[in-house]
């Protein structure tokens, strides 16, 4: 009894899966570089605004935290 014919793979070019993998990796790298570039550009152009936003976010988290008492939320003497 003869078996099924063995399909040989053409070594001249990459398989479809390999092509898709290369394209996905390339797209992911391009997206990551663009994303990091956008974040760095935003930070370089507006460092004060981003710093204020971060402090406001952290203050909001602390304000709603059940661990701190109202006396601890007032801050040191002379703080606004």
PDB file of N, CA and C in Angstrom:
ATOM      1  N   UNK A   1       0.851  -1.164   0.000  1.00  0.00           N
ATOM      2  CA  UNK A   1       0.000   0.000   0.000  1.00  0.00           C
ATOM      3  C   UNK A   1       0.900   1.230   0.000  1.00  0.00           C
ATOM      4  N   UNK A   2       0.585   2.135  -0.874  1.00  0.00           N
ATOM      5  CA  UNK A   2       1.355   3.363  -0.966  1.00  0.00           C
ATOM      6  C   UNK A   2       0.837   4.385   0.039  1.00  0.00           C
ATOM      7  N   UNK A   3       1.780   5.189   0.584  1.00  0.00           N
ATOM      8  CA  UNK A   3       1.399   6.250   1.521  1.00  0.00           C
ATOM      9  C   UNK A   3       1.014   7.514   0.767  1.00  0.00           C
ATOM     10  N   UNK A   4       0.641   8.494   1.486  1.00  0.00           N
ATOM     11  CA  UNK A   4       0.291   9.783   0.893  1.00  0.00           C
ATOM     12  C   UNK A   4       1.546  10.441   0.338  1.00  0.00           C
ATOM     13  N   UNK A   5       1.400  11.186  -0.729  1.00  0.00           N
ATOM     14  CA  UNK A   5       2.581  11.850  -1.280  1.00  0.00           C
ATOM     15  C   UNK A   5       3.087  12.920  -0.308  1.00  0.00           C
ATOM     16  N   UNK A   6       4.377  13.000  -0.196  1.00  0.00           N
ATOM     17  CA  UNK A   6       4.995  13.981   0.685  1.00  0.00           C
ATOM     18  C   UNK A   6       5.139  15.281  -0.091  1.00  0.00           C
ATOM     19  N   UNK A   7       4.571  16.340   0.465  1.00  0.00           N
ATOM     20  CA  UNK A   7       4.676  17.637  -0.199  1.00  0.00           C
ATOM     21  C   UNK A   7       5.962  18.296   0.273  1.00  0.00           C
ATOM     22  N   UNK A   8       6.793  18.600  -0.660  1.00  0.00           N
ATOM     23  CA  UNK A   8       8.048  19.242  -0.314  1.00  0.00           C
ATOM     24  C   UNK A   8       7.877  20.744  -0.370  1.00  0.00           C
ATOM     25  N   UNK A   9       8.562  21.358   0.492  1.00  0.00           N
ATOM     26  CA  UNK A   9       8.509  22.790   0.677  1.00  0.00           C
ATOM     27  C   UNK A   9       9.571  23.445  -0.205  1.00  0.00           C
ATOM     28  N   UNK A  10       9.204  24.477  -0.929  1.00  0.00           N
ATOM     29  CA  UNK A  10      10.174  25.165  -1.787  1.00  0.00           C
ATOM     30  C   UNK A  10      11.090  26.014  -0.917  1.00  0.00           C
ATOM     31  N   UNK A  11      12.362  25.749  -0.969  1.00  0.00           N
ATOM     32  CA  UNK A  11      13.332  26.455  -0.141  1.00  0.00           C
ATOM     33  C   UNK A  11      13.660  27.840  -0.679  1.00  0.00           C
ATOM     34  N   UNK A  12      13.103  28.207  -1.823  1.00  0.00           N
ATOM     35  CA  UNK A  12      13.434  29.491  -2.432  1.00  0.00           C
ATOM     36  C   UNK A  12      12.862  30.669  -1.654  1.00  0.00           C
ATOM     37  N   UNK A  13      11.714  30.517  -1.042  1.00  0.00           N
ATOM     38  CA  UNK A  13      11.081  31.640  -0.353  1.00  0.00           C
ATOM     39  C   UNK A  13      10.542  31.244   1.010  1.00  0.00           C
ATOM     40  N   UNK A  14      10.328  32.230   1.855  1.00  0.00           N
ATOM     41  CA  UNK A  14       9.798  31.923   3.187  1.00  0.00           C
ATOM     42  C   UNK A  14       8.328  31.509   3.125  1.00  0.00           C
ATOM     43  N   UNK A  15       7.905  30.802   4.128  1.00  0.00           N
ATOM     44  CA  UNK A  15       6.514  30.358   4.190  1.00  0.00           C
ATOM     45  C   UNK A  15       5.614  31.539   4.524  1.00  0.00           C
ATOM     46  N   UNK A  16       4.342  31.340   4.340  1.00  0.00           N
ATOM     47  CA  UNK A  16       3.374  32.396   4.637  1.00  0.00           C
ATOM     48  C   UNK A  16       3.414  32.759   6.121  1.00  0.00           C
ATOM     49  N   UNK A  17       3.536  31.754   6.977  1.00  0.00           N
ATOM     50  CA  UNK A  17       3.597  32.022   8.414  1.00  0.00           C
ATOM     51  C   UNK A  17       4.825  32.860   8.765  1.00  0.00           C
ATOM     52  N   UNK A  18       5.940  32.553   8.146  1.00  0.00           N
ATOM     53  CA  UNK A  18       7.157  33.311   8.408  1.00  0.00           C
ATOM     54  C   UNK A  18       7.029  34.749   7.901  1.00  0.00           C
ATOM     55  N   UNK A  19       6.394  34.936   6.746  1.00  0.00           N
ATOM     56  CA  UNK A  19       6.170  36.287   6.221  1.00  0.00           C
ATOM     57  C   UNK A  19       5.281  37.097   7.161  1.00  0.00           C
ATOM     58  N   UNK A  20       4.212  36.464   7.627  1.00  0.00           N
ATOM     59  CA  UNK A  20       3.311  37.146   8.551  1.00  0.00           C
ATOM     60  C   UNK A  20       4.024  37.495   9.857  1.00  0.00           C
ATOM     61  N   UNK A  21       4.858  36.583  10.336  1.00  0.00           N
ATOM     62  CA  UNK A  21       5.596  36.828  11.571  1.00  0.00           C
ATOM     63  C   UNK A  21       6.544  38.010  11.407  1.00  0.00           C
ATOM     64  N   UNK A  22       7.271  38.053  10.297  1.00  0.00           N
ATOM     65  CA  UNK A  22       8.191  39.171  10.047  1.00  0.00           C
ATOM     66  C   UNK A  22       7.441  40.493   9.985  1.00  0.00           C
ATOM     67  N   UNK A  23       6.320  40.492   9.302  1.00  0.00           N
ATOM     68  CA  UNK A  23       5.546  41.733   9.190  1.00  0.00           C
ATOM     69  C   UNK A  23       4.975  42.165  10.534  1.00  0.00           C
ATOM     70  N   UNK A  24       4.507  41.221  11.320  1.00  0.00           N
ATOM     71  CA  UNK A  24       3.977  41.556  12.636  1.00  0.00           C
ATOM     72  C   UNK A  24       5.068  42.113  13.548  1.00  0.00           C
ATOM     73  N   UNK A  25       6.236  41.502  13.522  1.00  0.00           N
ATOM     74  CA  UNK A  25       7.354  41.990  14.336  1.00  0.00           C
ATOM     75  C   UNK A  25       7.771  43.382  13.876  1.00  0.00           C
ATOM     76  N   UNK A  26       7.855  43.588  12.572  1.00  0.00           N
ATOM     77  CA  UNK A  26       8.244  44.896  12.042  1.00  0.00           C
ATOM     78  C   UNK A  26       7.221  45.961  12.424  1.00  0.00           C
ATOM     79  N   UNK A  27       5.937  45.648  12.274  1.00  0.00           N
ATOM     80  CA  UNK A  27       4.886  46.599  12.639  1.00  0.00           C
ATOM     81  C   UNK A  27       4.936  46.924  14.127  1.00  0.00           C
ATOM     82  N   UNK A  28       5.149  45.914  14.964  1.00  0.00           N
ATOM     83  CA  UNK A  28       5.218  46.124  16.411  1.00  0.00           C
ATOM     84  C   UNK A  28       6.397  47.022  16.767  1.00  0.00           C
ATOM     85  N   UNK A  29       7.544  46.792  16.151  1.00  0.00           N
ATOM     86  CA  UNK A  29       8.715  47.627  16.433  1.00  0.00           C
ATOM     87  C   UNK A  29       8.498  49.069  15.987  1.00  0.00           C
ATOM     88  N   UNK A  30       7.922  49.259  14.812  1.00  0.00           N
ATOM     89  CA  UNK A  30       7.650  50.617  14.335  1.00  0.00           C
ATOM     90  C   UNK A  30       6.667  51.318  15.261  1.00  0.00           C
ATOM     91  N   UNK A  31       5.623  50.620  15.672  1.00  0.00           N
ATOM     92  CA  UNK A  31       4.637  51.207  16.578  1.00  0.00           C
ATOM     93  C   UNK A  31       5.279  51.571  17.916  1.00  0.00           C
ATOM     94  N   UNK A  32       6.117  50.698  18.457  1.00  0.00           N
ATOM     95  CA  UNK A  32       6.768  50.975  19.738  1.00  0.00           C
ATOM     96  C   UNK A  32       7.691  52.182  19.638  1.00  0.00           C
ATOM     97  N   UNK A  33       8.450  52.277  18.561  1.00  0.00           N
ATOM     98  CA  UNK A  33       9.355  53.424  18.384  1.00  0.00           C
ATOM     99  C   UNK A  33       8.557  54.719  18.261  1.00  0.00           C
ATOM    100  N   UNK A  34       7.481  54.703  17.491  1.00  0.00           N
ATOM    101  CA  UNK A  34       6.650  55.898  17.362  1.00  0.00           C
ATOM    102  C   UNK A  34       5.998  56.273  18.681  1.00  0.00           C
ATOM    103  N   UNK A  35       5.532  55.304  19.422  1.00  0.00           N
ATOM    104  CA  UNK A  35       4.893  55.560  20.712  1.00  0.00           C
ATOM    105  C   UNK A  35       5.896  56.161  21.703  1.00  0.00           C
ATOM    106  N   UNK A  36       7.072  55.599  21.784  1.00  0.00           N
ATOM    107  CA  UNK A  36       8.101  56.127  22.686  1.00  0.00           C
ATOM    108  C   UNK A  36       8.514  57.524  22.244  1.00  0.00           C
ATOM    109  N   UNK A  37       8.647  57.729  20.945  1.00  0.00           N
ATOM    110  CA  UNK A  37       8.991  59.054  20.440  1.00  0.00           C
ATOM    111  C   UNK A  37       7.940  60.094  20.791  1.00  0.00           C
ATOM    112  N   UNK A  38       6.669  59.736  20.699  1.00  0.00           N
ATOM    113  CA  UNK A  38       5.593  60.662  21.045  1.00  0.00           C
ATOM    114  C   UNK A  38       5.632  61.013  22.528  1.00  0.00           C
ATOM    115  N   UNK A  39       5.849  60.034  23.377  1.00  0.00           N
ATOM    116  CA  UNK A  39       5.914  60.288  24.818  1.00  0.00           C
ATOM    117  C   UNK A  39       7.102  61.188  25.150  1.00  0.00           C
ATOM    118  N   UNK A  40       8.257  60.905  24.574  1.00  0.00           N
ATOM    119  CA  UNK A  40       9.443  61.722  24.835  1.00  0.00           C
ATOM    120  C   UNK A  40       9.232  63.143  24.329  1.00  0.00           C
ATOM    121  N   UNK A  41       8.679  63.296  23.127  1.00  0.00           N
ATOM    122  CA  UNK A  41       8.427  64.628  22.580  1.00  0.00           C
ATOM    123  C   UNK A  41       7.449  65.401  23.459  1.00  0.00           C
ATOM    124  N   UNK A  42       6.397  64.739  23.927  1.00  0.00           N
ATOM    125  CA  UNK A  42       5.427  65.395  24.794  1.00  0.00           C
ATOM    126  C   UNK A  42       6.078  65.828  26.101  1.00  0.00           C
ATOM    127  N   UNK A  43       6.910  64.986  26.673  1.00  0.00           N
ATOM    128  CA  UNK A  43       7.555  65.323  27.930  1.00  0.00           C
ATOM    129  C   UNK A  43       8.552  66.465  27.752  1.00  0.00           C
ATOM    130  N   UNK A  44       9.305  66.444  26.654  1.00  0.00           N
ATOM    131  CA  UNK A  44      10.296  67.491  26.416  1.00  0.00           C
ATOM    132  C   UNK A  44       9.617  68.834  26.175  1.00  0.00           C
ATOM    133  N   UNK A  45       8.478  68.827  25.499  1.00  0.00           N
ATOM    134  CA  UNK A  45       7.815  70.091  25.170  1.00  0.00           C
ATOM    135  C   UNK A  45       7.005  70.660  26.333  1.00  0.00           C
ATOM    136  N   UNK A  46       6.572  69.838  27.284  1.00  0.00           N
ATOM    137  CA  UNK A  46       5.735  70.320  28.384  1.00  0.00           C
ATOM    138  C   UNK A  46       6.096  69.644  29.711  1.00  0.00           C
ATOM    139  N   UNK A  47       7.309  69.766  30.220  1.00  0.00           N
ATOM    140  CA  UNK A  47       7.646  69.046  31.447  1.00  0.00           C
ATOM    141  C   UNK A  47       6.891  69.558  32.677  1.00  0.00           C
ATOM    142  N   UNK A  48       6.624  70.862  32.741  1.00  0.00           N
ATOM    143  CA  UNK A  48       5.926  71.401  33.913  1.00  0.00           C
ATOM    144  C   UNK A  48       4.480  70.913  33.975  1.00  0.00           C
ATOM    145  N   UNK A  49       3.807  70.925  32.831  1.00  0.00           N
ATOM    146  CA  UNK A  49       2.406  70.498  32.800  1.00  0.00           C
ATOM    147  C   UNK A  49       2.282  69.017  33.162  1.00  0.00           C
ATOM    148  N   UNK A  50       3.184  68.194  32.649  1.00  0.00           N
ATOM    149  CA  UNK A  50       3.123  66.765  32.978  1.00  0.00           C
ATOM    150  C   UNK A  50       3.433  66.529  34.452  1.00  0.00           C
ATOM    151  N   UNK A  51       4.382  67.295  35.006  1.00  0.00           N
ATOM    152  CA  UNK A  51       4.697  67.165  36.425  1.00  0.00           C
ATOM    153  C   UNK A  51       3.511  67.541  37.298  1.00  0.00           C
ATOM    154  N   UNK A  52       2.818  68.621  36.928  1.00  0.00           N
ATOM    155  CA  UNK A  52       1.638  69.044  37.684  1.00  0.00           C
ATOM    156  C   UNK A  52       0.523  67.998  37.599  1.00  0.00           C
ATOM    157  N   UNK A  53       0.339  67.419  36.405  1.00  0.00           N
ATOM    158  CA  UNK A  53      -0.682  66.386  36.251  1.00  0.00           C
ATOM    159  C   UNK A  53      -0.368  65.168  37.106  1.00  0.00           C
ATOM    160  N   UNK A  54       0.890  64.784  37.163  1.00  0.00           N
ATOM    161  CA  UNK A  54       1.286  63.644  37.982  1.00  0.00           C
ATOM    162  C   UNK A  54       1.043  63.923  39.460  1.00  0.00           C
ATOM    163  N   UNK A  55       1.423  65.103  39.924  1.00  0.00           N
ATOM    164  CA  UNK A  55       1.195  65.450  41.331  1.00  0.00           C
ATOM    165  C   UNK A  55      -0.294  65.504  41.655  1.00  0.00           C
ATOM    166  N   UNK A  56      -1.090  66.058  40.755  1.00  0.00           N
ATOM    167  CA  UNK A  56      -2.544  66.110  40.974  1.00  0.00           C
ATOM    168  C   UNK A  56      -3.133  64.707  41.049  1.00  0.00           C
ATOM    169  N   UNK A  57      -2.683  63.822  40.175  1.00  0.00           N
ATOM    170  CA  UNK A  57      -3.172  62.443  40.183  1.00  0.00           C
ATOM    171  C   UNK A  57      -2.802  61.741  41.484  1.00  0.00           C
ATOM    172  N   UNK A  58      -1.552  61.896  41.916  1.00  0.00           N
ATOM    173  CA  UNK A  58      -1.116  61.264  43.159  1.00  0.00           C
ATOM    174  C   UNK A  58      -1.856  61.845  44.361  1.00  0.00           C
ATOM    175  N   UNK A  59      -2.078  63.156  44.376  1.00  0.00           N
ATOM    176  CA  UNK A  59      -2.815  63.790  45.479  1.00  0.00           C
ATOM    177  C   UNK A  59      -4.247  63.278  45.525  1.00  0.00           C
ATOM    178  N   UNK A  60      -4.848  63.085  44.358  1.00  0.00           N
ATOM    179  CA  UNK A  60      -6.211  62.570  44.305  1.00  0.00           C
ATOM    180  C   UNK A  60      -6.279  61.146  44.855  1.00  0.00           C
ATOM    181  N   UNK A  61      -5.280  60.329  44.515  1.00  0.00           N
ATOM    182  CA  UNK A  61      -5.244  58.964  45.048  1.00  0.00           C
ATOM    183  C   UNK A  61      -5.109  58.976  46.565  1.00  0.00           C
ATOM    184  N   UNK A  62      -4.242  59.841  47.067  1.00  0.00           N
ATOM    185  CA  UNK A  62      -4.041  59.909  48.517  1.00  0.00           C
ATOM    186  C   UNK A  62      -5.286  60.431  49.224  1.00  0.00           C
ATOM    187  N   UNK A  63      -5.975  61.379  48.611  1.00  0.00           N
ATOM    188  CA  UNK A  63      -7.160  61.970  49.227  1.00  0.00           C
ATOM    189  C   UNK A  63      -8.263  60.926  49.430  1.00  0.00           C
ATOM    190  N   UNK A  64      -8.369  59.995  48.504  1.00  0.00           N
ATOM    191  CA  UNK A  64      -9.412  58.970  48.581  1.00  0.00           C
ATOM    192  C   UNK A  64      -8.914  57.681  49.234  1.00  0.00           C
ATOM    193  N   UNK A  65      -7.715  57.704  49.764  1.00  0.00           N
ATOM    194  CA  UNK A  65      -7.151  56.525  50.403  1.00  0.00           C
ATOM    195  C   UNK A  65      -7.731  56.372  51.809  1.00  0.00           C
ATOM    196  N   UNK A  66      -8.183  55.183  52.171  1.00  0.00           N
ATOM    197  CA  UNK A  66      -8.748  54.989  53.511  1.00  0.00           C
ATOM    198  C   UNK A  66      -7.670  54.878  54.597  1.00  0.00           C
ATOM    199  N   UNK A  67      -6.407  54.842  54.216  1.00  0.00           N
ATOM    200  CA  UNK A  67      -5.333  54.633  55.182  1.00  0.00           C
ATOM    201  C   UNK A  67      -4.963  55.925  55.903  1.00  0.00           C
ATOM    202  N   UNK A  68      -5.036  57.070  55.219  1.00  0.00           N
ATOM    203  CA  UNK A  68      -4.603  58.327  55.801  1.00  0.00           C
ATOM    204  C   UNK A  68      -5.738  59.029  56.539  1.00  0.00           C
ATOM    205  N   UNK A  69      -5.396  59.668  57.633  1.00  0.00           N
ATOM    206  CA  UNK A  69      -6.372  60.451  58.391  1.00  0.00           C
ATOM    207  C   UNK A  69      -6.415  61.860  57.818  1.00  0.00           C
ATOM    208  N   UNK A  70      -7.445  62.639  58.135  1.00  0.00           N
ATOM    209  CA  UNK A  70      -7.505  64.021  57.631  1.00  0.00           C
ATOM    210  C   UNK A  70      -6.317  64.866  58.083  1.00  0.00           C
ATOM    211  N   UNK A  71      -5.785  64.604  59.273  1.00  0.00           N
ATOM    212  CA  UNK A  71      -4.621  65.361  59.738  1.00  0.00           C
ATOM    213  C   UNK A  71      -3.387  65.069  58.878  1.00  0.00           C
ATOM    214  N   UNK A  72      -3.257  63.847  58.423  1.00  0.00           N
ATOM    215  CA  UNK A  72      -2.111  63.481  57.581  1.00  0.00           C
ATOM    216  C   UNK A  72      -2.240  64.072  56.172  1.00  0.00           C
ATOM    217  N   UNK A  73      -3.452  64.392  55.742  1.00  0.00           N
ATOM    218  CA  UNK A  73      -3.651  64.919  54.408  1.00  0.00           C
ATOM    219  C   UNK A  73      -3.333  66.414  54.315  1.00  0.00           C
ATOM    220  N   UNK A  74      -3.244  67.092  55.449  1.00  0.00           N
ATOM    221  CA  UNK A  74      -2.995  68.536  55.400  1.00  0.00           C
ATOM    222  C   UNK A  74      -1.587  68.875  54.980  1.00  0.00           C
ATOM    223  N   UNK A  75      -0.628  67.988  55.201  1.00  0.00           N
ATOM    224  CA  UNK A  75       0.743  68.246  54.796  1.00  0.00           C
ATOM    225  C   UNK A  75       1.517  68.972  55.870  1.00  0.00           C
ATOM    226  N   UNK A  76       2.748  69.351  55.563  1.00  0.00           N
ATOM    227  CA  UNK A  76       3.573  70.029  56.554  1.00  0.00           C
ATOM    228  C   UNK A  76       3.113  71.448  56.778  1.00  0.00           C
ATOM    229  N   UNK A  77       3.540  72.085  57.855  1.00  0.00           N
ATOM    230  CA  UNK A  77       3.158  73.484  58.115  1.00  0.00           C
ATOM    231  C   UNK A  77       3.647  74.384  56.978  1.00  0.00           C
ATOM    232  N   UNK A  78       2.788  75.279  56.557  1.00  0.00           N
ATOM    233  CA  UNK A  78       3.126  76.197  55.483  1.00  0.00           C
ATOM    234  C   UNK A  78       2.799  75.671  54.091  1.00  0.00           C
ATOM    235  N   UNK A  79       2.363  74.431  53.993  1.00  0.00           N
ATOM    236  CA  UNK A  79       2.013  73.875  52.680  1.00  0.00           C
ATOM    237  C   UNK A  79       0.644  74.393  52.278  1.00  0.00           C
ATOM    238  N   UNK A  80       0.448  74.662  51.004  1.00  0.00           N
ATOM    239  CA  UNK A  80      -0.876  75.170  50.551  1.00  0.00           C
ATOM    240  C   UNK A  80      -1.954  74.132  50.625  1.00  0.00           C
TER     241      UNK A  80
END
